[in-house]
């Protein structure tokens, strides 16, 4: 039976508690080193661009080297395994790979935890969650097109994607009920999946 009052056991408990406290201290230091509060200037460029530790870690995370998954996993742990916080600091485009591997893509539309935003100095990131930065203003290429021209260009895109799918160049996928990716047999399935997601989001807003 474990006797807390014995000298040896007391020393072991003190050692373990000290070790855990040091781990918590180090983890907190790493957290603020890698993920300090976001400021307006932090979303003026892509998350992987810059000299801050967050920028460098995101750059490693999206690279083609073997440590990219380790970097993504470290980032996710520092985000306390919060999907919303992970998207906030990395941009969804950079975070999608790890979320897909973990089967967490289905959680991107879940209500945000208030703690995910409490340490930021700006709300600008809420408007750029896909890319993680504010893109410069560009002229809308569809501005001077008629509806017929837009429909024609859309069908060209659909046909081009179908051609790439038939040749095995790309393999589009959609998110299933479990938040994991499953392949689609036809490009129009992506549209149906998007419509279902929109309906679900609208229902959540109504509720």
N, C-alpha and C. Protein backbone atom coordinates (compact mmCIF):
# COMPACT_ATOMS: atom_id res chain seq x y z
N UNK A 1 0.85 -1.20 0.00
CA UNK A 1 0.00 0.00 0.00
C UNK A 1 0.88 1.24 0.00
N UNK A 2 0.48 2.23 -0.79
CA UNK A 2 1.30 3.44 -0.93
C UNK A 2 1.18 4.29 0.33
N UNK A 3 2.29 4.58 0.95
CA UNK A 3 2.32 5.40 2.16
C UNK A 3 2.93 6.75 1.85
N UNK A 4 2.08 7.77 1.79
CA UNK A 4 2.55 9.11 1.42
C UNK A 4 3.49 9.69 2.46
N UNK A 5 3.37 9.21 3.71
CA UNK A 5 4.13 9.83 4.78
C UNK A 5 5.52 9.23 4.93
N UNK A 6 5.82 8.17 4.20
CA UNK A 6 7.18 7.64 4.26
C UNK A 6 8.12 8.59 3.54
N UNK A 7 9.35 8.63 4.00
CA UNK A 7 10.32 9.59 3.47
C UNK A 7 10.56 9.38 1.97
N UNK A 8 10.72 8.12 1.56
CA UNK A 8 11.02 7.82 0.15
C UNK A 8 9.85 8.20 -0.75
N UNK A 9 8.63 7.85 -0.32
CA UNK A 9 7.46 8.17 -1.14
C UNK A 9 7.22 9.67 -1.21
N UNK A 10 7.45 10.36 -0.09
CA UNK A 10 7.26 11.81 -0.08
C UNK A 10 8.23 12.48 -1.05
N UNK A 11 9.47 12.00 -1.07
CA UNK A 11 10.45 12.56 -1.99
C UNK A 11 10.05 12.30 -3.45
N UNK A 12 9.51 11.10 -3.72
CA UNK A 12 9.08 10.77 -5.07
C UNK A 12 7.93 11.67 -5.51
N UNK A 13 6.96 11.91 -4.61
CA UNK A 13 5.83 12.77 -4.94
C UNK A 13 6.30 14.20 -5.21
N UNK A 14 7.20 14.69 -4.36
CA UNK A 14 7.73 16.05 -4.55
C UNK A 14 8.47 16.16 -5.88
N UNK A 15 9.25 15.12 -6.20
CA UNK A 15 9.99 15.12 -7.47
C UNK A 15 9.03 15.17 -8.66
N UNK A 16 7.98 14.32 -8.61
CA UNK A 16 7.04 14.28 -9.73
C UNK A 16 6.26 15.58 -9.86
N UNK A 17 5.83 16.14 -8.73
CA UNK A 17 5.09 17.41 -8.79
C UNK A 17 5.97 18.52 -9.33
N UNK A 18 7.23 18.53 -8.89
CA UNK A 18 8.17 19.54 -9.40
C UNK A 18 8.37 19.38 -10.90
N UNK A 19 8.49 18.14 -11.34
CA UNK A 19 8.67 17.86 -12.77
C UNK A 19 7.45 18.33 -13.57
N UNK A 20 6.25 18.02 -13.07
CA UNK A 20 5.03 18.42 -13.77
C UNK A 20 4.90 19.94 -13.82
N UNK A 21 5.26 20.62 -12.72
CA UNK A 21 5.19 22.08 -12.70
C UNK A 21 6.17 22.68 -13.70
N UNK A 22 7.36 22.09 -13.79
CA UNK A 22 8.34 22.57 -14.77
C UNK A 22 7.83 22.35 -16.19
N UNK A 23 7.18 21.20 -16.43
CA UNK A 23 6.62 20.92 -17.76
C UNK A 23 5.55 21.94 -18.12
N UNK A 24 4.68 22.26 -17.14
CA UNK A 24 3.64 23.25 -17.39
C UNK A 24 4.24 24.62 -17.67
N UNK A 25 5.30 24.97 -16.92
CA UNK A 25 5.97 26.25 -17.12
C UNK A 25 6.58 26.33 -18.51
N UNK A 26 7.28 25.24 -18.90
CA UNK A 26 7.91 25.21 -20.23
C UNK A 26 6.85 25.25 -21.33
N UNK A 27 5.76 24.49 -21.15
CA UNK A 27 4.70 24.47 -22.15
C UNK A 27 4.09 25.86 -22.33
N UNK A 28 3.90 26.57 -21.22
CA UNK A 28 3.33 27.92 -21.30
C UNK A 28 4.29 28.86 -22.01
N UNK A 29 5.58 28.74 -21.72
CA UNK A 29 6.57 29.58 -22.37
C UNK A 29 6.60 29.31 -23.88
N UNK A 30 6.56 28.02 -24.26
CA UNK A 30 6.56 27.67 -25.68
C UNK A 30 5.31 28.20 -26.35
N UNK A 31 4.18 28.09 -25.66
CA UNK A 31 2.91 28.57 -26.22
C UNK A 31 3.01 30.05 -26.57
N UNK A 32 3.47 30.88 -25.64
CA UNK A 32 3.54 32.32 -25.90
C UNK A 32 4.68 32.67 -26.85
N UNK A 33 5.67 31.80 -26.96
CA UNK A 33 6.76 32.03 -27.91
C UNK A 33 6.27 31.76 -29.34
N UNK A 34 5.54 30.67 -29.52
CA UNK A 34 5.06 30.29 -30.85
C UNK A 34 3.77 31.01 -31.21
N UNK A 35 2.88 31.19 -30.26
CA UNK A 35 1.54 31.72 -30.54
C UNK A 35 1.22 32.91 -29.64
N UNK A 36 1.92 34.02 -29.80
CA UNK A 36 1.59 35.20 -29.01
C UNK A 36 0.26 35.78 -29.49
N UNK A 37 -0.34 36.70 -28.73
CA UNK A 37 -1.60 37.32 -29.17
C UNK A 37 -1.47 37.91 -30.57
N UNK A 38 -2.46 37.66 -31.40
CA UNK A 38 -2.43 38.18 -32.77
C UNK A 38 -2.72 39.67 -32.79
N UNK A 39 -1.96 40.41 -33.58
CA UNK A 39 -2.19 41.83 -33.81
C UNK A 39 -2.60 42.04 -35.26
N UNK A 40 -3.06 43.24 -35.55
CA UNK A 40 -3.55 43.53 -36.90
C UNK A 40 -2.49 43.26 -37.95
N UNK A 41 -1.23 43.60 -37.65
CA UNK A 41 -0.17 43.41 -38.64
C UNK A 41 0.14 41.93 -38.89
N UNK A 42 -0.27 41.06 -37.97
CA UNK A 42 0.00 39.63 -38.14
C UNK A 42 -0.84 38.99 -39.23
N UNK A 43 -1.93 39.63 -39.61
CA UNK A 43 -2.80 39.07 -40.65
C UNK A 43 -2.69 39.86 -41.95
N UNK A 44 -1.62 40.64 -42.08
CA UNK A 44 -1.39 41.38 -43.32
C UNK A 44 -0.62 40.54 -44.33
N UNK A 45 -0.11 39.40 -43.91
CA UNK A 45 0.61 38.51 -44.81
C UNK A 45 0.29 37.06 -44.44
N UNK A 46 0.64 36.15 -45.32
CA UNK A 46 0.32 34.75 -45.09
C UNK A 46 0.95 34.25 -43.79
N UNK A 47 0.30 33.27 -43.13
CA UNK A 47 0.85 32.75 -41.87
C UNK A 47 2.26 32.20 -42.00
N UNK A 48 2.61 31.68 -43.19
CA UNK A 48 3.94 31.10 -43.36
C UNK A 48 4.99 32.12 -43.78
N UNK A 49 4.61 33.39 -43.90
CA UNK A 49 5.54 34.44 -44.32
C UNK A 49 5.87 35.33 -43.12
N UNK A 50 7.14 35.49 -42.84
CA UNK A 50 7.55 36.34 -41.73
C UNK A 50 8.68 35.70 -40.94
N UNK A 51 9.18 36.44 -39.96
CA UNK A 51 10.33 35.99 -39.17
C UNK A 51 9.95 35.54 -37.77
N UNK A 52 8.66 35.62 -37.43
CA UNK A 52 8.25 35.17 -36.10
C UNK A 52 8.22 33.65 -36.06
N UNK A 53 8.28 33.10 -34.84
CA UNK A 53 8.31 31.65 -34.70
C UNK A 53 7.05 31.01 -35.28
N UNK A 54 5.91 31.67 -35.12
CA UNK A 54 4.67 31.13 -35.69
C UNK A 54 4.80 30.99 -37.20
N UNK A 55 5.34 32.00 -37.86
CA UNK A 55 5.52 31.97 -39.31
C UNK A 55 6.44 30.83 -39.73
N UNK A 56 7.54 30.68 -39.00
CA UNK A 56 8.52 29.64 -39.36
C UNK A 56 7.96 28.24 -39.16
N UNK A 57 7.18 28.07 -38.08
CA UNK A 57 6.61 26.75 -37.81
C UNK A 57 5.56 26.38 -38.85
N UNK A 58 4.74 27.36 -39.25
CA UNK A 58 3.74 27.09 -40.29
C UNK A 58 4.43 26.75 -41.61
N UNK A 59 5.54 27.44 -41.90
CA UNK A 59 6.28 27.15 -43.13
C UNK A 59 6.79 25.72 -43.14
N UNK A 60 7.30 25.26 -41.99
CA UNK A 60 7.75 23.87 -41.88
C UNK A 60 6.56 22.92 -42.00
N UNK A 61 5.42 23.32 -41.41
CA UNK A 61 4.24 22.48 -41.38
C UNK A 61 3.70 22.17 -42.77
N UNK A 62 3.80 23.13 -43.68
CA UNK A 62 3.25 22.94 -45.03
C UNK A 62 4.32 22.53 -46.03
N UNK A 63 5.53 22.27 -45.54
CA UNK A 63 6.61 21.87 -46.44
C UNK A 63 6.50 20.40 -46.82
N UNK A 64 7.43 19.96 -47.65
CA UNK A 64 7.43 18.58 -48.14
C UNK A 64 8.47 17.72 -47.44
N UNK A 65 8.92 18.18 -46.30
CA UNK A 65 9.91 17.42 -45.55
C UNK A 65 9.21 16.53 -44.54
N UNK A 66 9.97 15.54 -44.02
CA UNK A 66 9.35 14.55 -43.15
C UNK A 66 8.93 15.11 -41.80
N UNK A 67 9.46 16.29 -41.43
CA UNK A 67 9.10 16.85 -40.13
C UNK A 67 7.84 17.70 -40.18
N UNK A 68 7.23 17.83 -41.36
CA UNK A 68 6.05 18.68 -41.48
C UNK A 68 4.90 18.19 -40.59
N UNK A 69 4.72 16.87 -40.51
CA UNK A 69 3.64 16.33 -39.67
C UNK A 69 3.93 16.57 -38.19
N UNK A 70 5.20 16.48 -37.81
CA UNK A 70 5.57 16.75 -36.42
C UNK A 70 5.30 18.21 -36.07
N UNK A 71 5.62 19.11 -37.00
CA UNK A 71 5.38 20.53 -36.77
C UNK A 71 3.89 20.80 -36.63
N UNK A 72 3.09 20.18 -37.51
CA UNK A 72 1.64 20.36 -37.45
C UNK A 72 1.08 19.81 -36.14
N UNK A 73 1.59 18.66 -35.72
CA UNK A 73 1.12 18.05 -34.47
C UNK A 73 1.48 18.92 -33.27
N UNK A 74 2.70 19.48 -33.27
CA UNK A 74 3.11 20.38 -32.19
C UNK A 74 2.20 21.60 -32.15
N UNK A 75 1.92 22.17 -33.32
CA UNK A 75 1.04 23.34 -33.40
C UNK A 75 -0.34 23.00 -32.84
N UNK A 76 -0.85 21.82 -33.21
CA UNK A 76 -2.19 21.42 -32.78
C UNK A 76 -2.24 21.23 -31.26
N UNK A 77 -1.16 20.67 -30.70
CA UNK A 77 -1.10 20.50 -29.24
C UNK A 77 -1.06 21.85 -28.55
N UNK A 78 -0.25 22.78 -29.09
CA UNK A 78 -0.18 24.12 -28.52
C UNK A 78 -1.53 24.83 -28.60
N UNK A 79 -2.33 24.46 -29.59
CA UNK A 79 -3.67 25.03 -29.73
C UNK A 79 -4.67 24.31 -28.84
N UNK A 80 -4.17 23.45 -27.95
CA UNK A 80 -5.01 22.68 -27.02
C UNK A 80 -6.03 21.83 -27.77
N UNK A 81 -5.61 21.35 -28.94
CA UNK A 81 -6.44 20.49 -29.80
C UNK A 81 -7.76 21.15 -30.19
N UNK A 82 -7.75 22.47 -30.21
CA UNK A 82 -8.93 23.22 -30.65
C UNK A 82 -8.85 23.45 -32.15
N UNK A 83 -9.84 22.96 -32.89
CA UNK A 83 -9.85 23.13 -34.35
C UNK A 83 -9.94 24.60 -34.71
N UNK A 84 -10.79 25.35 -34.02
CA UNK A 84 -10.96 26.77 -34.33
C UNK A 84 -9.68 27.57 -34.06
N UNK A 85 -9.02 27.26 -32.95
CA UNK A 85 -7.77 27.97 -32.64
C UNK A 85 -6.69 27.61 -33.66
N UNK A 86 -6.65 26.34 -34.06
CA UNK A 86 -5.68 25.88 -35.05
C UNK A 86 -5.88 26.62 -36.37
N UNK A 87 -7.13 26.75 -36.81
CA UNK A 87 -7.43 27.50 -38.03
C UNK A 87 -7.05 28.97 -37.89
N UNK A 88 -7.29 29.50 -36.71
CA UNK A 88 -7.04 30.92 -36.45
C UNK A 88 -5.57 31.28 -36.64
N UNK A 89 -4.68 30.43 -36.15
CA UNK A 89 -3.26 30.74 -36.21
C UNK A 89 -2.58 30.26 -37.49
N UNK A 90 -3.16 29.26 -38.15
CA UNK A 90 -2.52 28.69 -39.34
C UNK A 90 -3.23 29.04 -40.63
N UNK A 91 -4.52 29.36 -40.55
CA UNK A 91 -5.32 29.48 -41.77
C UNK A 91 -5.84 28.10 -42.14
N UNK A 92 -7.10 28.01 -42.55
CA UNK A 92 -7.68 26.69 -42.82
C UNK A 92 -6.95 25.97 -43.95
N UNK A 93 -6.48 26.72 -44.95
CA UNK A 93 -5.78 26.09 -46.06
C UNK A 93 -4.55 25.34 -45.61
N UNK A 94 -3.86 25.85 -44.59
CA UNK A 94 -2.67 25.18 -44.07
C UNK A 94 -3.02 24.08 -43.07
N UNK A 95 -4.15 24.24 -42.39
CA UNK A 95 -4.52 23.29 -41.34
C UNK A 95 -5.29 22.09 -41.86
N UNK A 96 -5.82 22.18 -43.07
CA UNK A 96 -6.74 21.15 -43.58
C UNK A 96 -6.11 19.76 -43.62
N UNK A 97 -4.83 19.67 -43.95
CA UNK A 97 -4.19 18.37 -44.06
C UNK A 97 -4.21 17.60 -42.75
N UNK A 98 -3.78 18.26 -41.67
CA UNK A 98 -3.78 17.58 -40.38
C UNK A 98 -5.19 17.27 -39.92
N UNK A 99 -6.13 18.21 -40.13
CA UNK A 99 -7.51 17.97 -39.72
C UNK A 99 -8.11 16.79 -40.47
N UNK A 100 -7.75 16.66 -41.75
CA UNK A 100 -8.24 15.52 -42.53
C UNK A 100 -7.68 14.21 -42.00
N UNK A 101 -6.39 14.21 -41.66
CA UNK A 101 -5.76 12.99 -41.14
C UNK A 101 -6.36 12.57 -39.81
N UNK A 102 -6.77 13.55 -39.01
CA UNK A 102 -7.34 13.26 -37.69
C UNK A 102 -8.85 13.08 -37.73
N UNK A 103 -9.45 13.25 -38.92
CA UNK A 103 -10.90 13.13 -39.02
C UNK A 103 -11.64 14.26 -38.32
N UNK A 104 -11.06 15.47 -38.37
CA UNK A 104 -11.63 16.61 -37.65
C UNK A 104 -12.20 17.68 -38.57
N UNK A 105 -12.24 17.40 -39.87
CA UNK A 105 -12.77 18.42 -40.79
C UNK A 105 -14.22 18.75 -40.48
N UNK A 106 -14.95 17.79 -39.92
CA UNK A 106 -16.35 18.04 -39.61
C UNK A 106 -16.55 19.00 -38.46
N UNK A 107 -15.48 19.36 -37.74
CA UNK A 107 -15.61 20.24 -36.59
C UNK A 107 -15.34 21.71 -36.91
N UNK A 108 -15.06 22.00 -38.19
CA UNK A 108 -14.72 23.39 -38.52
C UNK A 108 -15.90 24.32 -38.39
N UNK A 109 -17.13 23.78 -38.42
CA UNK A 109 -18.32 24.62 -38.30
C UNK A 109 -18.94 24.57 -36.92
N UNK A 110 -18.26 23.94 -35.96
CA UNK A 110 -18.79 23.89 -34.61
C UNK A 110 -18.65 25.26 -33.95
N UNK A 111 -19.54 25.58 -33.00
CA UNK A 111 -19.45 26.88 -32.31
C UNK A 111 -18.09 27.06 -31.66
N UNK A 112 -17.59 28.28 -31.71
CA UNK A 112 -16.26 28.54 -31.17
C UNK A 112 -16.30 28.66 -29.65
N UNK A 113 -15.24 28.17 -29.05
CA UNK A 113 -15.05 28.33 -27.62
C UNK A 113 -14.57 29.76 -27.36
N UNK A 114 -15.19 30.48 -26.41
CA UNK A 114 -14.75 31.86 -26.13
C UNK A 114 -13.27 31.96 -25.82
N UNK A 115 -12.68 30.90 -25.27
CA UNK A 115 -11.25 30.92 -24.95
C UNK A 115 -10.37 30.95 -26.18
N UNK A 116 -10.93 30.58 -27.35
CA UNK A 116 -10.13 30.55 -28.57
C UNK A 116 -9.78 31.94 -29.05
N UNK A 117 -10.49 32.96 -28.59
CA UNK A 117 -10.29 34.31 -29.11
C UNK A 117 -9.89 35.31 -28.03
N UNK A 118 -9.75 34.85 -26.81
CA UNK A 118 -9.57 35.78 -25.72
C UNK A 118 -8.20 36.44 -25.71
N UNK A 119 -7.20 35.88 -26.38
CA UNK A 119 -5.84 36.39 -26.28
C UNK A 119 -5.40 37.14 -27.53
N UNK A 120 -6.34 37.61 -28.35
CA UNK A 120 -5.97 38.31 -29.57
C UNK A 120 -6.23 39.80 -29.43
N UNK A 121 -5.37 40.58 -30.09
CA UNK A 121 -5.50 42.02 -30.06
C UNK A 121 -6.27 42.55 -31.27
N UNK A 122 -6.73 41.66 -32.13
CA UNK A 122 -7.45 42.07 -33.33
C UNK A 122 -8.50 41.04 -33.68
N UNK A 123 -9.56 41.49 -34.34
CA UNK A 123 -10.61 40.59 -34.82
C UNK A 123 -10.49 40.37 -36.32
N UNK A 124 -9.44 40.90 -36.95
CA UNK A 124 -9.30 40.80 -38.40
C UNK A 124 -9.21 39.36 -38.87
N UNK A 125 -8.64 38.49 -38.03
CA UNK A 125 -8.45 37.10 -38.45
C UNK A 125 -9.79 36.40 -38.71
N UNK A 126 -10.88 36.91 -38.11
CA UNK A 126 -12.19 36.29 -38.30
C UNK A 126 -12.66 36.39 -39.74
N UNK A 127 -12.16 37.40 -40.46
CA UNK A 127 -12.57 37.60 -41.84
C UNK A 127 -11.70 36.85 -42.82
N UNK A 128 -10.60 36.26 -42.36
CA UNK A 128 -9.65 35.63 -43.29
C UNK A 128 -9.27 34.23 -42.81
N UNK A 129 -10.24 33.48 -42.31
CA UNK A 129 -9.94 32.19 -41.70
C UNK A 129 -9.46 31.15 -42.71
N UNK A 130 -9.79 31.31 -43.98
CA UNK A 130 -9.38 30.32 -44.98
C UNK A 130 -7.91 30.48 -45.32
N UNK A 131 -7.50 31.70 -45.62
CA UNK A 131 -6.12 31.95 -46.03
C UNK A 131 -5.22 32.34 -44.86
N UNK A 132 -5.80 32.90 -43.81
CA UNK A 132 -5.01 33.33 -42.66
C UNK A 132 -4.42 34.72 -42.81
N UNK A 133 -4.75 35.41 -43.88
CA UNK A 133 -4.24 36.78 -44.04
C UNK A 133 -5.18 37.59 -44.93
N UNK A 134 -5.05 38.90 -44.85
CA UNK A 134 -5.89 39.80 -45.64
C UNK A 134 -5.28 39.95 -47.02
N UNK A 135 -5.98 39.48 -48.03
CA UNK A 135 -5.46 39.58 -49.39
C UNK A 135 -5.63 40.99 -49.93
N UNK A 136 -4.68 41.45 -50.75
CA UNK A 136 -4.80 42.79 -51.34
C UNK A 136 -6.01 42.88 -52.26
N UNK A 137 -6.56 44.07 -52.36
CA UNK A 137 -7.73 44.27 -53.22
C UNK A 137 -7.37 44.00 -54.68
N UNK A 138 -8.22 43.22 -55.33
CA UNK A 138 -8.02 42.91 -56.74
C UNK A 138 -9.32 43.13 -57.49
N UNK A 139 -9.18 43.44 -58.75
CA UNK A 139 -10.37 43.65 -59.57
C UNK A 139 -11.09 42.32 -59.79
N UNK A 140 -12.39 42.33 -59.63
CA UNK A 140 -13.20 41.13 -59.81
C UNK A 140 -13.20 40.74 -61.28
N UNK A 141 -12.65 39.56 -61.63
CA UNK A 141 -12.60 39.15 -63.05
C UNK A 141 -13.99 38.89 -63.63
N UNK A 142 -14.99 38.71 -62.78
CA UNK A 142 -16.35 38.45 -63.26
C UNK A 142 -17.20 39.71 -63.37
N UNK A 143 -16.59 40.83 -63.03
CA UNK A 143 -17.34 42.07 -62.95
C UNK A 143 -18.04 42.44 -64.24
N UNK A 144 -17.35 42.30 -65.36
CA UNK A 144 -17.91 42.74 -66.65
C UNK A 144 -18.50 41.58 -67.46
N UNK A 145 -18.68 40.42 -66.83
CA UNK A 145 -19.24 39.28 -67.54
C UNK A 145 -20.75 39.24 -67.40
N UNK A 146 -21.40 38.74 -68.44
CA UNK A 146 -22.84 38.51 -68.36
C UNK A 146 -23.08 37.18 -67.64
N UNK A 147 -24.33 36.93 -67.27
CA UNK A 147 -24.65 35.67 -66.61
C UNK A 147 -24.35 34.48 -67.51
N UNK A 148 -24.57 34.65 -68.81
CA UNK A 148 -24.29 33.56 -69.76
C UNK A 148 -22.79 33.26 -69.81
N UNK A 149 -21.97 34.32 -69.79
CA UNK A 149 -20.52 34.12 -69.81
C UNK A 149 -20.03 33.44 -68.53
N UNK A 150 -20.62 33.84 -67.40
CA UNK A 150 -20.24 33.22 -66.13
C UNK A 150 -20.58 31.73 -66.13
N UNK A 151 -21.77 31.41 -66.63
CA UNK A 151 -22.19 30.01 -66.69
C UNK A 151 -21.29 29.21 -67.63
N UNK A 152 -20.90 29.83 -68.74
CA UNK A 152 -20.01 29.17 -69.70
C UNK A 152 -18.65 28.87 -69.06
N UNK A 153 -18.09 29.86 -68.36
CA UNK A 153 -16.79 29.67 -67.70
C UNK A 153 -16.89 28.62 -66.59
N UNK A 154 -18.02 28.61 -65.89
CA UNK A 154 -18.21 27.62 -64.82
C UNK A 154 -18.23 26.21 -65.39
N UNK A 155 -18.92 26.02 -66.52
CA UNK A 155 -18.98 24.70 -67.14
C UNK A 155 -17.61 24.28 -67.68
N UNK A 156 -16.84 25.26 -68.18
CA UNK A 156 -15.48 24.95 -68.63
C UNK A 156 -14.65 24.42 -67.46
N UNK A 157 -14.82 25.04 -66.30
CA UNK A 157 -14.08 24.61 -65.12
C UNK A 157 -14.51 23.21 -64.69
N UNK A 158 -15.82 22.96 -64.71
CA UNK A 158 -16.33 21.63 -64.34
C UNK A 158 -15.78 20.57 -65.28
N UNK A 159 -15.80 20.85 -66.58
CA UNK A 159 -15.31 19.88 -67.56
C UNK A 159 -13.80 19.65 -67.42
N UNK A 160 -13.07 20.73 -67.13
CA UNK A 160 -11.62 20.60 -66.95
C UNK A 160 -11.30 19.74 -65.73
N UNK A 161 -12.03 19.95 -64.64
CA UNK A 161 -11.81 19.16 -63.43
C UNK A 161 -12.19 17.70 -63.66
N UNK A 162 -13.29 17.47 -64.39
CA UNK A 162 -13.71 16.10 -64.69
C UNK A 162 -12.66 15.39 -65.54
N UNK A 163 -12.07 16.12 -66.48
CA UNK A 163 -11.02 15.55 -67.32
C UNK A 163 -9.81 15.14 -66.48
N UNK A 164 -9.43 15.99 -65.53
CA UNK A 164 -8.31 15.67 -64.64
C UNK A 164 -8.64 14.49 -63.74
N UNK A 165 -9.89 14.40 -63.31
CA UNK A 165 -10.32 13.26 -62.49
C UNK A 165 -10.26 11.96 -63.28
N UNK A 166 -10.74 12.02 -64.52
CA UNK A 166 -10.75 10.81 -65.36
C UNK A 166 -9.34 10.31 -65.64
N UNK A 167 -8.39 11.24 -65.72
CA UNK A 167 -7.00 10.87 -65.98
C UNK A 167 -6.24 10.49 -64.71
N UNK A 168 -6.89 10.65 -63.57
CA UNK A 168 -6.25 10.30 -62.31
C UNK A 168 -5.26 11.33 -61.81
N UNK A 169 -5.31 12.54 -62.38
CA UNK A 169 -4.38 13.59 -61.96
C UNK A 169 -4.77 14.13 -60.59
N UNK A 170 -6.08 14.32 -60.38
CA UNK A 170 -6.58 14.78 -59.10
C UNK A 170 -7.66 13.82 -58.62
N UNK A 171 -7.90 13.83 -57.33
CA UNK A 171 -8.93 12.97 -56.75
C UNK A 171 -9.71 13.79 -55.72
N UNK A 172 -10.68 14.58 -56.17
CA UNK A 172 -11.48 15.39 -55.23
C UNK A 172 -12.18 14.52 -54.20
N UNK A 173 -12.41 15.10 -53.05
CA UNK A 173 -13.08 14.37 -51.98
C UNK A 173 -14.03 15.31 -51.24
N UNK A 174 -14.91 14.72 -50.49
CA UNK A 174 -15.83 15.50 -49.66
C UNK A 174 -15.73 14.98 -48.23
N UNK A 175 -16.28 15.73 -47.31
CA UNK A 175 -16.25 15.33 -45.90
C UNK A 175 -17.48 14.52 -45.57
N UNK A 176 -17.28 13.34 -44.98
CA UNK A 176 -18.42 12.52 -44.61
C UNK A 176 -18.93 12.90 -43.22
N UNK A 177 -19.89 12.12 -42.70
CA UNK A 177 -20.51 12.44 -41.42
C UNK A 177 -19.54 12.37 -40.26
N UNK A 178 -18.45 11.62 -40.43
CA UNK A 178 -17.46 11.46 -39.37
C UNK A 178 -16.31 12.46 -39.46
N UNK A 179 -16.42 13.42 -40.40
CA UNK A 179 -15.36 14.41 -40.54
C UNK A 179 -14.16 13.93 -41.31
N UNK A 180 -14.27 12.78 -41.98
CA UNK A 180 -13.16 12.25 -42.77
C UNK A 180 -13.45 12.41 -44.26
N UNK A 181 -12.37 12.40 -45.03
CA UNK A 181 -12.50 12.58 -46.47
C UNK A 181 -12.87 11.28 -47.15
N UNK A 182 -13.79 11.38 -48.12
CA UNK A 182 -14.13 10.22 -48.94
C UNK A 182 -14.17 10.70 -50.39
N UNK A 183 -13.68 9.90 -51.33
CA UNK A 183 -13.60 10.33 -52.74
C UNK A 183 -14.98 10.50 -53.35
N UNK A 184 -15.06 11.38 -54.35
CA UNK A 184 -16.30 11.59 -55.10
C UNK A 184 -16.13 11.01 -56.49
N UNK A 185 -17.22 10.49 -57.04
CA UNK A 185 -17.16 9.89 -58.37
C UNK A 185 -17.42 10.92 -59.46
N UNK A 186 -18.13 11.99 -59.10
CA UNK A 186 -18.41 13.04 -60.09
C UNK A 186 -18.27 14.39 -59.42
N UNK A 187 -17.80 15.36 -60.18
CA UNK A 187 -17.53 16.69 -59.65
C UNK A 187 -18.76 17.34 -59.05
N UNK A 188 -19.97 17.00 -59.57
CA UNK A 188 -21.20 17.61 -59.07
C UNK A 188 -21.51 17.17 -57.64
N UNK A 189 -20.91 16.08 -57.18
CA UNK A 189 -21.10 15.66 -55.80
C UNK A 189 -20.56 16.70 -54.83
N UNK A 190 -19.53 17.43 -55.26
CA UNK A 190 -18.98 18.49 -54.41
C UNK A 190 -20.00 19.59 -54.20
N UNK A 191 -20.77 19.89 -55.25
CA UNK A 191 -21.81 20.92 -55.14
C UNK A 191 -22.89 20.48 -54.17
N UNK A 192 -23.31 19.21 -54.28
CA UNK A 192 -24.34 18.69 -53.39
C UNK A 192 -23.86 18.71 -51.94
N UNK A 193 -22.60 18.35 -51.74
CA UNK A 193 -22.04 18.35 -50.40
C UNK A 193 -22.00 19.75 -49.83
N UNK A 194 -21.65 20.73 -50.67
CA UNK A 194 -21.59 22.12 -50.24
C UNK A 194 -22.98 22.64 -49.89
N UNK A 195 -23.99 22.23 -50.67
CA UNK A 195 -25.36 22.66 -50.39
C UNK A 195 -25.85 22.10 -49.06
N UNK A 196 -25.50 20.84 -48.77
CA UNK A 196 -25.89 20.24 -47.49
C UNK A 196 -25.23 20.97 -46.33
N UNK A 197 -23.96 21.34 -46.51
CA UNK A 197 -23.24 22.05 -45.46
C UNK A 197 -23.86 23.42 -45.21
N UNK A 198 -24.29 24.09 -46.29
CA UNK A 198 -24.92 25.40 -46.16
C UNK A 198 -26.24 25.29 -45.44
N UNK A 199 -27.03 24.25 -45.78
CA UNK A 199 -28.32 24.05 -45.12
C UNK A 199 -28.13 23.77 -43.64
N UNK A 200 -27.12 22.96 -43.32
CA UNK A 200 -26.83 22.65 -41.92
C UNK A 200 -26.43 23.90 -41.15
N UNK A 201 -25.60 24.75 -41.79
CA UNK A 201 -25.17 25.99 -41.15
C UNK A 201 -26.34 26.93 -40.93
N UNK A 202 -27.26 27.01 -41.91
CA UNK A 202 -28.43 27.87 -41.78
C UNK A 202 -29.33 27.39 -40.64
N UNK A 203 -29.49 26.07 -40.52
CA UNK A 203 -30.32 25.52 -39.46
C UNK A 203 -29.73 25.81 -38.09
N UNK A 204 -28.40 25.74 -37.99
CA UNK A 204 -27.73 26.04 -36.72
C UNK A 204 -27.94 27.49 -36.34
N UNK A 205 -27.90 28.39 -37.34
CA UNK A 205 -28.08 29.80 -37.06
C UNK A 205 -29.50 30.10 -36.61
N UNK A 206 -30.46 29.38 -37.21
CA UNK A 206 -31.86 29.59 -36.84
C UNK A 206 -32.10 29.14 -35.41
N UNK A 207 -31.49 27.95 -35.09
CA UNK A 207 -31.66 27.43 -33.72
C UNK A 207 -30.98 28.33 -32.72
